[in-house]
Amino acid sequence: MKGFTLVELIVAICIAMIVTGLILVNYNTYNDKQRVKQAAYTLKNDLRYIETKASSGEKPQSGCDSLNGWKITFTSSSYSYQPDCSPSMASPPIATVSLPSGLLFSPVPSPDSFLFKVLSQGTTLDSDICITLSDSVYTHKLRINTGGDINDLGLNYVGVCP
């Protein structure tokens, strides 16, 4: 007789199911990490974009006599940015970016808003700040210093952050 016994088939199917389960768990872990990293990279690129607009002195085409800089404001699940002009004008944010579902700024950066000053004059921050993006398992940190430099501290950074 040739062929497989019932016991051999059940063992093979069990091994295949265990391997499939492990693959799914690892994929979900990888996917969660990538979601946090991608949100942090998007924030970092937006911060650099805002810093560049401020450094170059780019201002709105109307209603802005003098540009003070570009302001970024944080809430627990989003951030927005807009020009800060004199005389003060109530302009809507240029962009508001919502974090992906399940991600938060934890804690919300303090201060919750600051200005990148024009012509590479730094920021309005009194000291360096650390921006932490997190979900239930992973965190990703960015540091912004008073001079306006943006540093990516990475995923699950455990060092001291101001």
C-alpha atoms as a PDB file:
ATOM      1  CA  MET A   1       0.000   0.000   0.000  1.00  0.00           C
ATOM      2  CA  LYS A   2       1.140   3.456  -0.870  1.00  0.00           C
ATOM      3  CA  GLY A   3      -0.050   6.748   0.559  1.00  0.00           C
ATOM      4  CA  PHE A   4      -0.267   8.602   3.831  1.00  0.00           C
ATOM      5  CA  THR A   5      -1.999   7.511   6.989  1.00  0.00           C
ATOM      6  CA  LEU A   6      -4.590   9.659   8.692  1.00  0.00           C
ATOM      7  CA  VAL A   7      -2.162  10.430  11.534  1.00  0.00           C
ATOM      8  CA  GLU A   8       0.513  11.630   9.091  1.00  0.00           C
ATOM      9  CA  LEU A   9      -1.989  13.927   7.355  1.00  0.00           C
ATOM     10  CA  ILE A  10      -3.189  15.409  10.653  1.00  0.00           C
ATOM     11  CA  VAL A  11       0.419  16.037  11.781  1.00  0.00           C
ATOM     12  CA  ALA A  12       1.264  17.740   8.452  1.00  0.00           C
ATOM     13  CA  ILE A  13      -1.853  19.935   8.616  1.00  0.00           C
ATOM     14  CA  CYS A  14      -1.092  20.912  12.247  1.00  0.00           C
ATOM     15  CA  ILE A  15       2.477  21.883  11.338  1.00  0.00           C
ATOM     16  CA  ALA A  16       1.197  23.965   8.397  1.00  0.00           C
ATOM     17  CA  MET A  17      -1.348  25.727  10.647  1.00  0.00           C
ATOM     18  CA  ILE A  18       1.305  26.521  13.293  1.00  0.00           C
ATOM     19  CA  VAL A  19       3.661  27.957  10.666  1.00  0.00           C
ATOM     20  CA  THR A  20       0.824  30.021   9.150  1.00  0.00           C
ATOM     21  CA  GLY A  21      -0.114  31.346  12.602  1.00  0.00           C
ATOM     22  CA  LEU A  22       3.466  32.393  13.315  1.00  0.00           C
ATOM     23  CA  ILE A  23       3.699  34.143   9.976  1.00  0.00           C
ATOM     24  CA  LEU A  24       0.493  36.106  10.660  1.00  0.00           C
ATOM     25  CA  VAL A  25       1.617  37.164  14.152  1.00  0.00           C
ATOM     26  CA  ASN A  26       4.989  38.340  12.853  1.00  0.00           C
ATOM     27  CA  TYR A  27       3.359  40.195   9.972  1.00  0.00           C
ATOM     28  CA  ASN A  28       1.000  42.048  12.331  1.00  0.00           C
ATOM     29  CA  THR A  29       3.925  43.003  14.582  1.00  0.00           C
ATOM     30  CA  TYR A  30       5.885  44.230  11.579  1.00  0.00           C
ATOM     31  CA  ASN A  31       2.862  46.138  10.280  1.00  0.00           C
ATOM     32  CA  ASP A  32       2.326  47.894  13.639  1.00  0.00           C
ATOM     33  CA  LYS A  33       5.991  48.947  13.776  1.00  0.00           C
ATOM     34  CA  GLN A  34       5.881  50.270  10.231  1.00  0.00           C
ATOM     35  CA  ARG A  35       2.730  52.264  10.909  1.00  0.00           C
ATOM     36  CA  VAL A  36       4.397  54.086  13.827  1.00  0.00           C
ATOM     37  CA  LYS A  37       7.617  54.623  11.858  1.00  0.00           C
ATOM     38  CA  GLN A  38       5.764  55.954   8.815  1.00  0.00           C
ATOM     39  CA  ALA A  39       3.779  58.438  10.898  1.00  0.00           C
ATOM     40  CA  ALA A  40       7.021  59.639  12.511  1.00  0.00           C
ATOM     41  CA  TYR A  41       8.727  60.006   9.116  1.00  0.00           C
ATOM     42  CA  THR A  42       5.760  61.972   7.803  1.00  0.00           C
ATOM     43  CA  LEU A  43       5.910  64.288  10.825  1.00  0.00           C
ATOM     44  CA  LYS A  44       9.666  64.714  10.445  1.00  0.00           C
ATOM     45  CA  ASN A  45       9.295  65.591   6.752  1.00  0.00           C
ATOM     46  CA  ASP A  46       6.489  68.042   7.521  1.00  0.00           C
ATOM     47  CA  LEU A  47       8.627  69.691  10.227  1.00  0.00           C
ATOM     48  CA  ARG A  48      11.491  70.048   7.762  1.00  0.00           C
ATOM     49  CA  TYR A  49       9.101  71.455   5.164  1.00  0.00           C
ATOM     50  CA  ILE A  50       7.828  74.040   7.676  1.00  0.00           C
ATOM     51  CA  GLU A  51      11.383  74.878   8.729  1.00  0.00           C
ATOM     52  CA  THR A  52      12.351  75.394   5.073  1.00  0.00           C
ATOM     53  CA  LYS A  53       9.362  77.684   4.451  1.00  0.00           C
ATOM     54  CA  ALA A  54      10.342  79.748   7.499  1.00  0.00           C
ATOM     55  CA  SER A  55      14.038  79.824   6.614  1.00  0.00           C
ATOM     56  CA  SER A  56      13.286  81.048   3.119  1.00  0.00           C
ATOM     57  CA  GLY A  57      10.819  83.648   4.390  1.00  0.00           C
ATOM     58  CA  GLU A  58       7.979  82.290   2.277  1.00  0.00           C
ATOM     59  CA  LYS A  59       4.745  84.048   3.189  1.00  0.00           C
ATOM     60  CA  PRO A  60       1.155  84.059   1.934  1.00  0.00           C
ATOM     61  CA  GLN A  61       0.473  86.118  -1.163  1.00  0.00           C
ATOM     62  CA  SER A  62      -1.988  88.439   0.570  1.00  0.00           C
ATOM     63  CA  GLY A  63      -2.666  89.794   4.052  1.00  0.00           C
ATOM     64  CA  CYS A  64       0.840  89.328   5.401  1.00  0.00           C
ATOM     65  CA  ASP A  65       3.036  92.418   5.594  1.00  0.00           C
ATOM     66  CA  SER A  66       5.780  90.834   7.666  1.00  0.00           C
ATOM     67  CA  LEU A  67       6.379  87.133   8.283  1.00  0.00           C
ATOM     68  CA  ASN A  68       7.399  86.163  11.839  1.00  0.00           C
ATOM     69  CA  GLY A  69       7.738  82.488  10.970  1.00  0.00           C
ATOM     70  CA  TRP A  70       5.714  79.314  10.546  1.00  0.00           C
ATOM     71  CA  LYS A  71       3.721  77.967  13.461  1.00  0.00           C
ATOM     72  CA  ILE A  72       2.986  74.320  14.200  1.00  0.00           C
ATOM     73  CA  THR A  73       0.273  73.314  16.658  1.00  0.00           C
ATOM     74  CA  PHE A  74      -0.256  69.860  18.183  1.00  0.00           C
ATOM     75  CA  THR A  75      -3.295  68.093  19.593  1.00  0.00           C
ATOM     76  CA  SER A  76      -3.284  64.526  20.887  1.00  0.00           C
ATOM     77  CA  SER A  77      -4.090  63.045  17.464  1.00  0.00           C
ATOM     78  CA  SER A  78      -3.163  65.687  14.875  1.00  0.00           C
ATOM     79  CA  TYR A  79      -1.009  68.679  14.036  1.00  0.00           C
ATOM     80  CA  SER A  80      -1.447  71.709  11.828  1.00  0.00           C
ATOM     81  CA  TYR A  81       0.793  74.448  10.477  1.00  0.00           C
ATOM     82  CA  GLN A  82       0.326  77.971   9.196  1.00  0.00           C
ATOM     83  CA  PRO A  83       2.252  81.205   8.648  1.00  0.00           C
ATOM     84  CA  ASP A  84       2.527  83.686  11.537  1.00  0.00           C
ATOM     85  CA  CYS A  85       2.319  87.218  10.188  1.00  0.00           C
ATOM     86  CA  SER A  86       2.354  90.826  11.382  1.00  0.00           C
ATOM     87  CA  PRO A  87      -0.058  92.428  11.538  1.00  0.00           C
ATOM     88  CA  SER A  88      -1.736  89.420  13.076  1.00  0.00           C
ATOM     89  CA  MET A  89      -4.212  87.817  10.747  1.00  0.00           C
ATOM     90  CA  ALA A  90      -6.583  84.974  11.458  1.00  0.00           C
ATOM     91  CA  SER A  91      -5.546  82.613   8.707  1.00  0.00           C
ATOM     92  CA  PRO A  92      -6.719  79.028   8.598  1.00  0.00           C
ATOM     93  CA  PRO A  93      -4.045  76.352   8.834  1.00  0.00           C
ATOM     94  CA  ILE A  94      -2.298  75.537   5.569  1.00  0.00           C
ATOM     95  CA  ALA A  95      -2.598  71.860   6.459  1.00  0.00           C
ATOM     96  CA  THR A  96      -3.949  69.721   9.266  1.00  0.00           C
ATOM     97  CA  VAL A  97      -2.543  66.223   9.473  1.00  0.00           C
ATOM     98  CA  SER A  98      -4.372  63.549  11.462  1.00  0.00           C
ATOM     99  CA  LEU A  99      -2.404  60.632  12.816  1.00  0.00           C
ATOM    100  CA  PRO A 100      -3.422  57.129  11.735  1.00  0.00           C
ATOM    101  CA  SER A 101      -6.033  55.423  13.897  1.00  0.00           C
ATOM    102  CA  GLY A 102      -4.596  54.219  17.196  1.00  0.00           C
ATOM    103  CA  LEU A 103      -1.588  56.574  17.151  1.00  0.00           C
ATOM    104  CA  LEU A 104      -1.287  59.525  19.508  1.00  0.00           C
ATOM    105  CA  PHE A 105       1.173  62.142  20.617  1.00  0.00           C
ATOM    106  CA  SER A 106       1.863  60.814  24.077  1.00  0.00           C
ATOM    107  CA  PRO A 107       2.262  63.188  25.793  1.00  0.00           C
ATOM    108  CA  VAL A 108       1.185  66.134  23.672  1.00  0.00           C
ATOM    109  CA  PRO A 109       4.368  68.173  23.133  1.00  0.00           C
ATOM    110  CA  SER A 110       4.809  70.998  25.602  1.00  0.00           C
ATOM    111  CA  PRO A 111       4.434  73.716  24.511  1.00  0.00           C
ATOM    112  CA  ASP A 112       1.669  72.512  22.201  1.00  0.00           C
ATOM    113  CA  SER A 113       2.619  75.105  19.581  1.00  0.00           C
ATOM    114  CA  PHE A 114       5.804  76.875  18.574  1.00  0.00           C
ATOM    115  CA  LEU A 115       7.223  78.914  15.758  1.00  0.00           C
ATOM    116  CA  PHE A 116      10.027  78.250  13.306  1.00  0.00           C
ATOM    117  CA  LYS A 117      11.434  81.771  12.898  1.00  0.00           C
ATOM    118  CA  VAL A 118      12.352  83.332   9.563  1.00  0.00           C
ATOM    119  CA  LEU A 119      15.840  83.365   8.072  1.00  0.00           C
ATOM    120  CA  SER A 120      17.146  80.411  10.104  1.00  0.00           C
ATOM    121  CA  GLN A 121      16.776  82.205  13.447  1.00  0.00           C
ATOM    122  CA  GLY A 122      15.714  79.015  15.204  1.00  0.00           C
ATOM    123  CA  THR A 123      12.465  78.495  17.064  1.00  0.00           C
ATOM    124  CA  THR A 124      10.472  80.115  19.850  1.00  0.00           C
ATOM    125  CA  LEU A 125      11.180  77.119  22.090  1.00  0.00           C
ATOM    126  CA  ASP A 126      12.763  77.844  25.490  1.00  0.00           C
ATOM    127  CA  SER A 127      14.447  74.434  25.511  1.00  0.00           C
ATOM    128  CA  ASP A 128      14.659  71.310  23.365  1.00  0.00           C
ATOM    129  CA  ILE A 129      11.448  69.298  23.123  1.00  0.00           C
ATOM    130  CA  CYS A 130      10.794  65.660  22.454  1.00  0.00           C
ATOM    131  CA  ILE A 131       7.811  64.643  20.341  1.00  0.00           C
ATOM    132  CA  THR A 132       6.650  61.096  21.025  1.00  0.00           C
ATOM    133  CA  LEU A 133       4.342  59.193  18.699  1.00  0.00           C
ATOM    134  CA  SER A 134       2.943  56.025  20.213  1.00  0.00           C
ATOM    135  CA  ASP A 135       0.440  53.252  19.893  1.00  0.00           C
ATOM    136  CA  SER A 136      -0.229  50.594  22.524  1.00  0.00           C
ATOM    137  CA  VAL A 137       3.177  48.916  22.021  1.00  0.00           C
ATOM    138  CA  TYR A 138       5.628  51.074  20.063  1.00  0.00           C
ATOM    139  CA  THR A 139       6.925  54.631  20.388  1.00  0.00           C
ATOM    140  CA  HIS A 140       8.938  56.787  18.011  1.00  0.00           C
ATOM    141  CA  LYS A 141      10.636  59.979  19.191  1.00  0.00           C
ATOM    142  CA  LEU A 142      11.794  63.131  17.460  1.00  0.00           C
ATOM    143  CA  ARG A 143      13.764  65.915  19.146  1.00  0.00           C
ATOM    144  CA  ILE A 144      13.615  69.559  18.110  1.00  0.00           C
ATOM    145  CA  ASN A 145      16.189  71.908  19.576  1.00  0.00           C
ATOM    146  CA  THR A 146      15.918  75.645  20.041  1.00  0.00           C
ATOM    147  CA  GLY A 147      17.961  76.236  16.891  1.00  0.00           C
ATOM    148  CA  GLY A 148      15.377  74.372  14.814  1.00  0.00           C
ATOM    149  CA  ASP A 149      17.336  71.157  14.217  1.00  0.00           C
ATOM    150  CA  ILE A 150      15.115  68.081  13.927  1.00  0.00           C
ATOM    151  CA  ASN A 151      16.619  64.782  15.089  1.00  0.00           C
ATOM    152  CA  ASP A 152      15.046  61.369  14.670  1.00  0.00           C
ATOM    153  CA  LEU A 153      15.712  59.399  17.870  1.00  0.00           C
ATOM    154  CA  GLY A 154      14.110  56.275  16.466  1.00  0.00           C
ATOM    155  CA  LEU A 155      11.681  53.559  17.350  1.00  0.00           C
ATOM    156  CA  ASN A 156      11.413  52.655  21.063  1.00  0.00           C
ATOM    157  CA  TYR A 157      14.189  55.119  22.027  1.00  0.00           C
ATOM    158  CA  VAL A 158      15.057  54.591  25.685  1.00  0.00           C
ATOM    159  CA  GLY A 159      17.556  57.409  26.293  1.00  0.00           C
ATOM    160  CA  VAL A 160      16.886  60.666  28.068  1.00  0.00           C
ATOM    161  CA  CYS A 161      14.774  63.064  26.076  1.00  0.00           C
ATOM    162  CA  PRO A 162      13.943  66.578  27.314  1.00  0.00           C
END
